[in-house]
N, C-alpha and C. Protein backbone atom coordinates (compact mmCIF):
# COMPACT_ATOMS: atom_id res chain seq x y z
N MET A 1 -15.66 -63.22 -2.89
CA MET A 1 -15.10 -64.47 -3.25
C MET A 1 -14.08 -64.74 -2.22
N ASP A 2 -14.49 -65.93 -1.42
CA ASP A 2 -12.64 -65.74 -0.97
C ASP A 2 -11.25 -67.05 -1.92
N GLU A 3 -9.84 -66.98 -1.41
CA GLU A 3 -9.10 -67.85 -2.80
C GLU A 3 -9.75 -68.89 -2.70
N LEU A 4 -10.43 -69.65 -1.93
CA LEU A 4 -10.63 -71.13 -2.12
C LEU A 4 -11.39 -71.01 -3.54
N GLN A 5 -12.33 -70.59 -2.92
CA GLN A 5 -13.93 -70.61 -4.05
C GLN A 5 -13.07 -69.57 -4.96
N SER A 6 -11.91 -68.94 -5.34
CA SER A 6 -11.40 -68.57 -6.61
C SER A 6 -10.55 -69.62 -7.38
N LEU A 7 -10.13 -70.31 -6.62
CA LEU A 7 -9.43 -71.69 -7.21
C LEU A 7 -10.30 -72.62 -7.76
N LEU A 8 -11.40 -72.77 -6.88
CA LEU A 8 -12.15 -73.98 -7.43
C LEU A 8 -12.85 -73.28 -8.73
N ILE A 9 -12.93 -72.07 -8.78
CA ILE A 9 -13.42 -71.75 -9.94
C ILE A 9 -12.98 -72.21 -11.11
N ARG A 10 -11.79 -71.90 -10.83
CA ARG A 10 -10.29 -71.58 -12.09
C ARG A 10 -9.95 -73.02 -12.79
N ALA A 11 -10.52 -74.13 -10.98
CA ALA A 11 -10.08 -75.71 -11.66
C ALA A 11 -10.73 -76.61 -12.75
N ALA A 12 -12.15 -75.72 -12.35
CA ALA A 12 -13.16 -76.01 -13.10
C ALA A 12 -13.52 -75.90 -14.64
N CYS A 13 -13.25 -74.32 -14.63
CA CYS A 13 -13.01 -73.81 -15.80
C CYS A 13 -11.64 -74.29 -16.58
N THR A 14 -10.92 -74.40 -16.49
CA THR A 14 -10.04 -75.15 -16.96
C THR A 14 -10.46 -76.59 -17.10
N ASP A 15 -11.04 -77.23 -16.22
CA ASP A 15 -11.44 -78.45 -16.71
C ASP A 15 -11.97 -78.27 -18.15
N VAL A 16 -12.93 -77.72 -17.34
CA VAL A 16 -14.02 -77.26 -19.21
C VAL A 16 -13.53 -77.27 -20.51
N ILE A 17 -12.42 -76.10 -20.47
CA ILE A 17 -11.31 -76.32 -21.45
C ILE A 17 -10.56 -77.49 -22.43
N THR A 18 -10.58 -78.09 -21.20
CA THR A 18 -9.16 -79.19 -21.58
C THR A 18 -10.62 -80.09 -22.39
N ARG A 19 -11.92 -80.72 -21.15
CA ARG A 19 -12.83 -81.07 -22.05
C ARG A 19 -13.42 -81.51 -23.32
N TYR A 20 -13.50 -80.28 -23.67
CA TYR A 20 -13.68 -79.39 -24.92
C TYR A 20 -12.28 -80.32 -26.11
N ALA A 21 -11.64 -79.63 -25.34
CA ALA A 21 -10.47 -80.12 -26.73
C ALA A 21 -10.59 -81.93 -26.96
N MET A 22 -10.72 -82.92 -25.52
CA MET A 22 -10.84 -84.26 -25.43
C MET A 22 -12.05 -84.35 -26.02
N ALA A 23 -13.10 -83.42 -26.09
CA ALA A 23 -14.19 -84.20 -26.69
C ALA A 23 -14.05 -84.12 -28.74
N VAL A 24 -13.67 -83.07 -28.94
CA VAL A 24 -13.56 -82.99 -30.02
C VAL A 24 -12.43 -83.87 -30.57
N ASN A 25 -11.36 -83.92 -30.14
CA ASN A 25 -10.34 -85.26 -30.69
C ASN A 25 -11.30 -86.62 -30.64
N ALA A 26 -11.43 -86.46 -29.47
CA ALA A 26 -12.36 -87.95 -29.60
C ALA A 26 -14.08 -88.17 -30.39
N TRP A 27 -14.04 -86.68 -31.02
CA TRP A 27 -15.36 -86.39 -31.79
C TRP A 27 -16.14 -87.07 -31.41
N ASP A 28 -16.34 -86.82 -30.13
CA ASP A 28 -17.83 -87.06 -29.35
C ASP A 28 -18.72 -85.90 -29.45
N LEU A 29 -19.40 -85.72 -30.25
CA LEU A 29 -20.25 -84.33 -29.86
C LEU A 29 -21.25 -84.37 -29.26
N ASP A 30 -22.04 -85.08 -28.57
CA ASP A 30 -22.66 -85.43 -27.12
C ASP A 30 -21.79 -84.79 -25.86
N ALA A 31 -20.67 -84.96 -26.14
CA ALA A 31 -20.19 -84.37 -24.91
C ALA A 31 -19.35 -83.33 -25.02
N PHE A 32 -19.51 -82.84 -26.32
CA PHE A 32 -18.32 -81.18 -27.13
C PHE A 32 -20.12 -80.65 -26.59
N VAL A 33 -20.82 -80.53 -26.91
CA VAL A 33 -22.03 -80.13 -26.88
C VAL A 33 -22.47 -80.06 -25.20
N ALA A 34 -22.33 -80.94 -24.88
CA ALA A 34 -22.90 -80.74 -23.22
C ALA A 34 -21.89 -79.54 -22.70
N LEU A 35 -20.47 -79.34 -23.08
CA LEU A 35 -20.02 -77.80 -22.60
C LEU A 35 -20.39 -76.91 -22.57
N PHE A 36 -21.57 -76.55 -23.04
CA PHE A 36 -21.94 -75.08 -23.61
C PHE A 36 -23.27 -75.45 -22.99
N THR A 37 -23.66 -73.51 -22.75
CA THR A 37 -25.12 -73.83 -21.75
C THR A 37 -26.15 -73.84 -22.56
N PRO A 38 -27.49 -73.79 -22.98
CA PRO A 38 -27.99 -74.57 -23.76
C PRO A 38 -28.49 -73.11 -24.92
N ASP A 39 -28.10 -72.15 -23.87
CA ASP A 39 -28.26 -70.76 -24.55
C ASP A 39 -27.02 -69.98 -25.82
N ALA A 40 -25.98 -71.10 -25.41
CA ALA A 40 -24.41 -70.42 -25.27
C ALA A 40 -24.63 -69.66 -26.83
N VAL A 41 -23.60 -69.33 -27.08
CA VAL A 41 -22.89 -68.96 -28.45
C VAL A 41 -22.20 -68.89 -28.42
N TRP A 42 -21.13 -69.40 -30.02
CA TRP A 42 -20.18 -69.45 -30.51
C TRP A 42 -19.95 -68.95 -31.30
N GLN A 43 -18.64 -68.01 -31.04
CA GLN A 43 -18.28 -67.53 -32.87
C GLN A 43 -17.21 -67.92 -32.56
N ARG A 44 -17.16 -68.32 -34.43
CA ARG A 44 -16.18 -68.39 -35.19
C ARG A 44 -15.67 -67.54 -36.84
N PRO A 45 -13.71 -67.30 -36.55
CA PRO A 45 -13.64 -66.33 -37.62
C PRO A 45 -15.06 -66.36 -38.80
N GLY A 46 -15.60 -65.42 -39.53
CA GLY A 46 -16.10 -64.76 -40.54
C GLY A 46 -17.60 -65.99 -41.13
N VAL A 47 -17.65 -66.22 -40.17
CA VAL A 47 -19.30 -66.60 -39.76
C VAL A 47 -19.90 -65.66 -38.83
N GLU A 48 -21.38 -66.03 -39.11
CA GLU A 48 -22.76 -65.80 -37.80
C GLU A 48 -22.51 -66.78 -36.50
N PRO A 49 -22.26 -66.22 -35.88
CA PRO A 49 -22.05 -67.20 -34.78
C PRO A 49 -23.55 -68.56 -34.45
N TYR A 50 -22.93 -69.59 -34.25
CA TYR A 50 -23.90 -70.64 -33.56
C TYR A 50 -24.28 -69.90 -32.47
N ASN A 51 -25.75 -69.90 -32.23
CA ASN A 51 -26.42 -69.87 -31.45
C ASN A 51 -26.63 -71.83 -30.58
N GLY A 52 -27.44 -71.52 -28.59
CA GLY A 52 -27.54 -72.83 -28.96
C GLY A 52 -26.92 -74.07 -29.28
N HIS A 53 -27.32 -75.20 -28.57
CA HIS A 53 -27.18 -76.66 -28.86
C HIS A 53 -27.39 -77.19 -30.05
N ALA A 54 -28.50 -76.72 -30.58
CA ALA A 54 -28.76 -77.16 -32.20
C ALA A 54 -27.49 -76.81 -33.05
N GLU A 55 -27.13 -75.60 -32.89
CA GLU A 55 -26.60 -74.64 -34.16
C GLU A 55 -25.00 -75.24 -34.01
N ILE A 56 -24.86 -75.50 -32.61
CA ILE A 56 -23.41 -76.05 -31.98
C ILE A 56 -23.25 -77.46 -32.61
N ARG A 57 -24.70 -78.37 -33.03
CA ARG A 57 -24.01 -79.68 -33.11
C ARG A 57 -24.27 -79.60 -34.73
N ALA A 58 -25.45 -78.96 -35.18
CA ALA A 58 -25.41 -78.55 -36.50
C ALA A 58 -23.76 -78.32 -37.46
N PHE A 59 -23.35 -77.25 -36.60
CA PHE A 59 -22.01 -76.81 -37.04
C PHE A 59 -20.61 -78.11 -37.69
N MET A 60 -20.99 -78.95 -36.19
CA MET A 60 -20.30 -80.14 -35.65
C MET A 60 -19.70 -81.23 -36.77
N GLU A 61 -21.72 -81.61 -37.17
CA GLU A 61 -21.90 -82.35 -37.98
C GLU A 61 -21.67 -82.30 -39.47
N THR A 62 -21.45 -80.80 -39.34
CA THR A 62 -20.80 -81.06 -41.41
C THR A 62 -18.98 -80.91 -41.06
N GLN A 63 -18.84 -81.41 -39.99
CA GLN A 63 -17.48 -81.59 -39.88
C GLN A 63 -16.22 -82.76 -40.53
N PRO A 64 -15.62 -83.27 -40.80
CA PRO A 64 -14.64 -84.54 -41.06
C PRO A 64 -14.81 -84.95 -39.82
N THR A 65 -15.49 -86.57 -39.67
CA THR A 65 -15.26 -87.51 -38.05
C THR A 65 -13.70 -87.84 -38.30
N ALA A 66 -13.50 -88.40 -37.17
CA ALA A 66 -12.40 -89.25 -36.31
C ALA A 66 -12.40 -89.93 -37.19
N ALA A 67 -13.61 -90.36 -37.88
CA ALA A 67 -13.34 -92.40 -39.27
C ALA A 67 -12.52 -91.75 -40.35
N ASP A 68 -12.36 -90.11 -40.47
CA ASP A 68 -11.63 -89.88 -41.35
C ASP A 68 -11.00 -88.67 -41.70
N ARG A 69 -9.91 -88.77 -40.26
CA ARG A 69 -8.82 -87.73 -40.02
C ARG A 69 -8.34 -88.79 -38.67
N THR A 70 -7.46 -87.52 -38.27
CA THR A 70 -7.06 -87.15 -37.34
C THR A 70 -6.37 -86.58 -36.30
N ILE A 71 -7.51 -85.93 -35.37
CA ILE A 71 -7.02 -84.49 -35.16
C ILE A 71 -7.00 -84.65 -33.42
N ARG A 72 -6.04 -83.32 -32.98
CA ARG A 72 -5.78 -83.14 -31.14
C ARG A 72 -6.04 -81.43 -31.34
N HIS A 73 -6.59 -81.37 -30.28
CA HIS A 73 -6.36 -80.02 -30.01
C HIS A 73 -5.68 -80.00 -28.62
N VAL A 74 -4.80 -79.32 -28.91
CA VAL A 74 -3.00 -79.65 -28.00
C VAL A 74 -3.42 -77.89 -27.27
N ASN A 75 -4.12 -78.00 -26.17
CA ASN A 75 -3.68 -76.58 -25.16
C ASN A 75 -2.54 -76.57 -24.68
N GLY A 76 -2.36 -74.65 -24.66
CA GLY A 76 -0.76 -74.16 -24.78
C GLY A 76 -1.59 -73.49 -23.45
N GLY A 77 -1.71 -72.24 -23.16
CA GLY A 77 -1.90 -71.07 -22.02
C GLY A 77 -3.81 -71.09 -21.29
N ILE A 78 -3.96 -70.85 -20.58
CA ILE A 78 -5.23 -71.08 -20.26
C ILE A 78 -5.25 -69.77 -18.69
N LEU A 79 -5.62 -68.98 -18.48
CA LEU A 79 -5.85 -68.31 -17.95
C LEU A 79 -7.63 -67.78 -17.53
N VAL A 80 -8.03 -67.94 -16.10
CA VAL A 80 -8.82 -68.09 -16.06
C VAL A 80 -9.98 -67.33 -14.60
N GLU A 81 -10.78 -66.20 -15.16
CA GLU A 81 -10.96 -64.87 -14.19
C GLU A 81 -12.49 -64.81 -13.95
N PRO A 82 -12.11 -65.41 -12.73
CA PRO A 82 -13.63 -65.45 -11.98
C PRO A 82 -14.16 -63.86 -11.36
N VAL A 83 -15.33 -64.20 -11.89
CA VAL A 83 -16.17 -63.08 -11.98
C VAL A 83 -17.08 -62.55 -10.60
N ASP A 84 -17.45 -63.60 -10.03
CA ASP A 84 -18.24 -63.87 -9.30
C ASP A 84 -18.92 -65.62 -9.23
N ALA A 85 -19.38 -65.72 -8.22
CA ALA A 85 -19.63 -66.96 -7.72
C ALA A 85 -20.29 -68.35 -8.88
N ASP A 86 -20.76 -67.43 -9.70
CA ASP A 86 -21.49 -68.05 -10.93
C ASP A 86 -21.11 -67.75 -12.35
N HIS A 87 -20.16 -66.87 -12.47
CA HIS A 87 -19.55 -66.75 -14.03
C HIS A 87 -17.86 -66.29 -13.63
N ALA A 88 -17.03 -66.41 -15.23
CA ALA A 88 -15.92 -66.23 -15.05
C ALA A 88 -15.48 -66.72 -16.44
N THR A 89 -14.19 -65.19 -16.94
CA THR A 89 -14.20 -65.40 -17.79
C THR A 89 -12.53 -66.09 -18.51
N ALA A 90 -12.30 -66.45 -19.32
CA ALA A 90 -11.19 -67.39 -19.46
C ALA A 90 -10.79 -67.04 -21.12
N TRP A 91 -9.17 -66.08 -20.71
CA TRP A 91 -8.40 -66.99 -22.24
C TRP A 91 -7.50 -68.04 -22.24
N SER A 92 -7.23 -68.64 -23.62
CA SER A 92 -6.53 -69.71 -23.89
C SER A 92 -6.16 -69.87 -25.23
N GLN A 93 -4.91 -70.54 -25.29
CA GLN A 93 -4.57 -70.89 -26.89
C GLN A 93 -4.62 -72.13 -26.97
N THR A 94 -5.17 -72.38 -28.10
CA THR A 94 -4.78 -73.77 -28.45
C THR A 94 -4.05 -74.38 -30.24
N THR A 95 -3.33 -75.05 -30.12
CA THR A 95 -2.80 -75.36 -31.61
C THR A 95 -3.48 -76.86 -32.04
N VAL A 96 -4.19 -76.70 -33.55
CA VAL A 96 -4.55 -77.46 -33.34
C VAL A 96 -4.08 -78.51 -34.87
N TYR A 97 -3.86 -79.22 -34.09
CA TYR A 97 -2.87 -81.13 -35.48
C TYR A 97 -4.29 -81.07 -35.94
N GLU A 98 -4.32 -81.67 -37.57
CA GLU A 98 -5.14 -83.01 -38.39
C GLU A 98 -3.96 -83.06 -39.50
N SER A 99 -4.93 -84.53 -39.75
CA SER A 99 -3.90 -84.98 -40.37
C SER A 99 -5.40 -86.46 -40.90
N GLU A 100 -5.58 -86.04 -42.16
CA GLU A 100 -6.60 -87.03 -43.40
C GLU A 100 -5.75 -88.50 -42.44
N ALA A 101 -4.47 -88.85 -42.26
CA ALA A 101 -4.62 -90.42 -41.97
C ALA A 101 -5.09 -90.35 -40.68
N VAL A 102 -5.95 -91.42 -40.57
CA VAL A 102 -6.27 -92.05 -39.50
C VAL A 102 -5.62 -93.11 -38.61
N THR A 103 -4.68 -93.44 -38.74
CA THR A 103 -3.86 -94.88 -37.37
C THR A 103 -3.00 -93.62 -37.00
N VAL A 104 -2.42 -93.59 -36.42
CA VAL A 104 -1.40 -93.34 -35.50
C VAL A 104 0.11 -93.70 -35.39
N PRO A 105 0.95 -93.47 -35.37
CA PRO A 105 1.27 -91.69 -35.02
C PRO A 105 0.95 -90.92 -37.13
N ALA A 106 0.51 -90.56 -36.86
CA ALA A 106 0.00 -89.47 -38.43
C ALA A 106 1.32 -88.71 -37.70
N PRO A 107 0.79 -88.27 -39.41
CA PRO A 107 2.22 -87.26 -40.05
C PRO A 107 2.26 -86.24 -39.45
N LEU A 108 3.14 -85.40 -38.16
CA LEU A 108 2.80 -84.37 -37.67
C LEU A 108 2.17 -82.71 -38.72
N VAL A 109 0.71 -82.77 -38.45
CA VAL A 109 1.01 -81.35 -39.78
C VAL A 109 -0.53 -80.59 -38.37
N CYS A 110 0.47 -79.09 -38.58
CA CYS A 110 0.39 -78.28 -37.47
C CYS A 110 -1.43 -77.71 -38.41
N ASP A 111 -2.65 -77.55 -38.01
CA ASP A 111 -3.32 -76.99 -38.44
C ASP A 111 -3.11 -74.80 -38.40
N MET A 112 -3.50 -75.61 -37.47
CA MET A 112 -3.53 -73.64 -36.73
C MET A 112 -3.22 -73.95 -35.44
N VAL A 113 -3.12 -72.23 -34.69
CA VAL A 113 -3.06 -71.64 -33.52
C VAL A 113 -4.10 -70.65 -33.29
N VAL A 114 -5.12 -71.34 -32.31
CA VAL A 114 -6.15 -70.61 -31.68
C VAL A 114 -6.11 -69.80 -30.54
N GLU A 115 -6.71 -68.63 -30.09
CA GLU A 115 -6.98 -68.03 -28.75
C GLU A 115 -9.02 -68.01 -28.86
N TYR A 116 -9.03 -68.35 -28.13
CA TYR A 116 -9.95 -68.63 -27.38
C TYR A 116 -10.78 -67.63 -26.21
N ARG A 117 -11.73 -66.53 -26.65
CA ARG A 117 -12.07 -65.85 -25.23
C ARG A 117 -13.65 -66.56 -25.05
N ASP A 118 -13.49 -66.68 -23.64
CA ASP A 118 -14.98 -67.72 -22.95
C ASP A 118 -14.97 -66.21 -21.90
N ARG A 119 -16.62 -67.55 -21.53
CA ARG A 119 -17.45 -66.60 -20.85
C ARG A 119 -17.71 -67.62 -20.09
N PHE A 120 -17.96 -67.86 -19.26
CA PHE A 120 -18.68 -68.92 -18.07
C PHE A 120 -20.03 -68.94 -17.52
N ALA A 121 -20.96 -69.49 -17.56
CA ALA A 121 -21.42 -69.89 -16.12
C ALA A 121 -22.08 -71.40 -15.85
N ARG A 122 -22.15 -70.81 -14.46
CA ARG A 122 -22.67 -72.39 -13.27
C ARG A 122 -23.95 -72.88 -13.64
N VAL A 123 -24.21 -73.67 -14.57
CA VAL A 123 -25.43 -73.58 -14.56
C VAL A 123 -26.39 -75.44 -14.06
N GLY A 124 -27.20 -75.35 -13.02
CA GLY A 124 -27.30 -76.37 -12.66
C GLY A 124 -25.79 -76.90 -11.49
N GLY A 125 -25.08 -75.79 -11.21
CA GLY A 125 -23.72 -76.16 -9.76
C GLY A 125 -22.61 -76.93 -10.68
N GLN A 126 -23.03 -76.64 -12.40
CA GLN A 126 -21.97 -77.21 -13.64
C GLN A 126 -21.26 -75.56 -14.12
N TRP A 127 -20.45 -75.52 -14.32
CA TRP A 127 -18.96 -75.01 -14.77
C TRP A 127 -19.45 -75.28 -16.87
N LEU A 128 -20.22 -74.14 -17.37
CA LEU A 128 -20.39 -74.28 -19.00
C LEU A 128 -19.60 -73.49 -19.59
N ILE A 129 -19.48 -73.47 -20.88
CA ILE A 129 -19.12 -71.83 -21.58
C ILE A 129 -20.69 -71.35 -22.48
N ALA A 130 -20.50 -70.15 -21.90
CA ALA A 130 -21.62 -69.61 -22.20
C ALA A 130 -21.42 -68.90 -23.54
N ARG A 131 -20.13 -68.75 -24.24
CA ARG A 131 -19.70 -67.74 -24.86
C ARG A 131 -18.77 -68.10 -25.05
N ARG A 132 -18.29 -68.69 -26.40
CA ARG A 132 -16.50 -68.74 -27.06
C ARG A 132 -16.62 -67.91 -28.01
N ASP A 133 -15.37 -67.28 -28.61
CA ASP A 133 -14.87 -65.99 -29.42
C ASP A 133 -13.81 -66.83 -29.85
N THR A 134 -13.89 -67.09 -31.36
CA THR A 134 -12.70 -67.77 -31.53
C THR A 134 -12.09 -67.34 -32.08
N THR A 135 -10.31 -66.85 -32.43
CA THR A 135 -9.52 -66.32 -33.04
C THR A 135 -8.59 -67.11 -33.37
N VAL A 136 -8.28 -66.67 -35.18
CA VAL A 136 -7.16 -67.56 -35.45
C VAL A 136 -5.78 -67.17 -35.64
N VAL A 137 -5.12 -67.43 -35.18
CA VAL A 137 -3.98 -66.66 -35.25
C VAL A 137 -2.95 -66.90 -36.41
N PHE A 138 -2.80 -68.35 -36.20
CA PHE A 138 -1.73 -68.44 -38.12
C PHE A 138 -2.89 -70.04 -38.23
N LYS A 139 -2.40 -70.27 -39.15
CA LYS A 139 -2.78 -70.89 -39.98
C LYS A 139 -2.52 -71.54 -40.85
N ARG A 140 -2.21 -72.92 -41.33
CA ARG A 140 -1.67 -73.65 -42.27
C ARG A 140 -2.01 -72.95 -43.58
């Protein structure tokens, strides 16, 4: 793999991580689920993994919506490592702010800091999350 291909993979996967935060912030579940491969695994702390689009969506539908709160995922460090032309791994950190207020500016309440370990796959020319392992580092 040449340097240009490596840079393109890094940029594309970083874009997916950013779009993940944007989809959660806007509570756009269609956009959110579309960031995962159809057979993706999402491991969250203390629960069985969610497998595939249906389980990922079902979990998200149990959460308060944007009509019930203001939520922001603010990404920090992101490091993407290409594996080959169709696979990559990533480490990233996100600070999650959440408030019951639905108007902005909302009170500044840091809910948690999480680390993600991702595996990406290129499917139909599009980079998607094939697996996301979530670790809560700090919790309010």
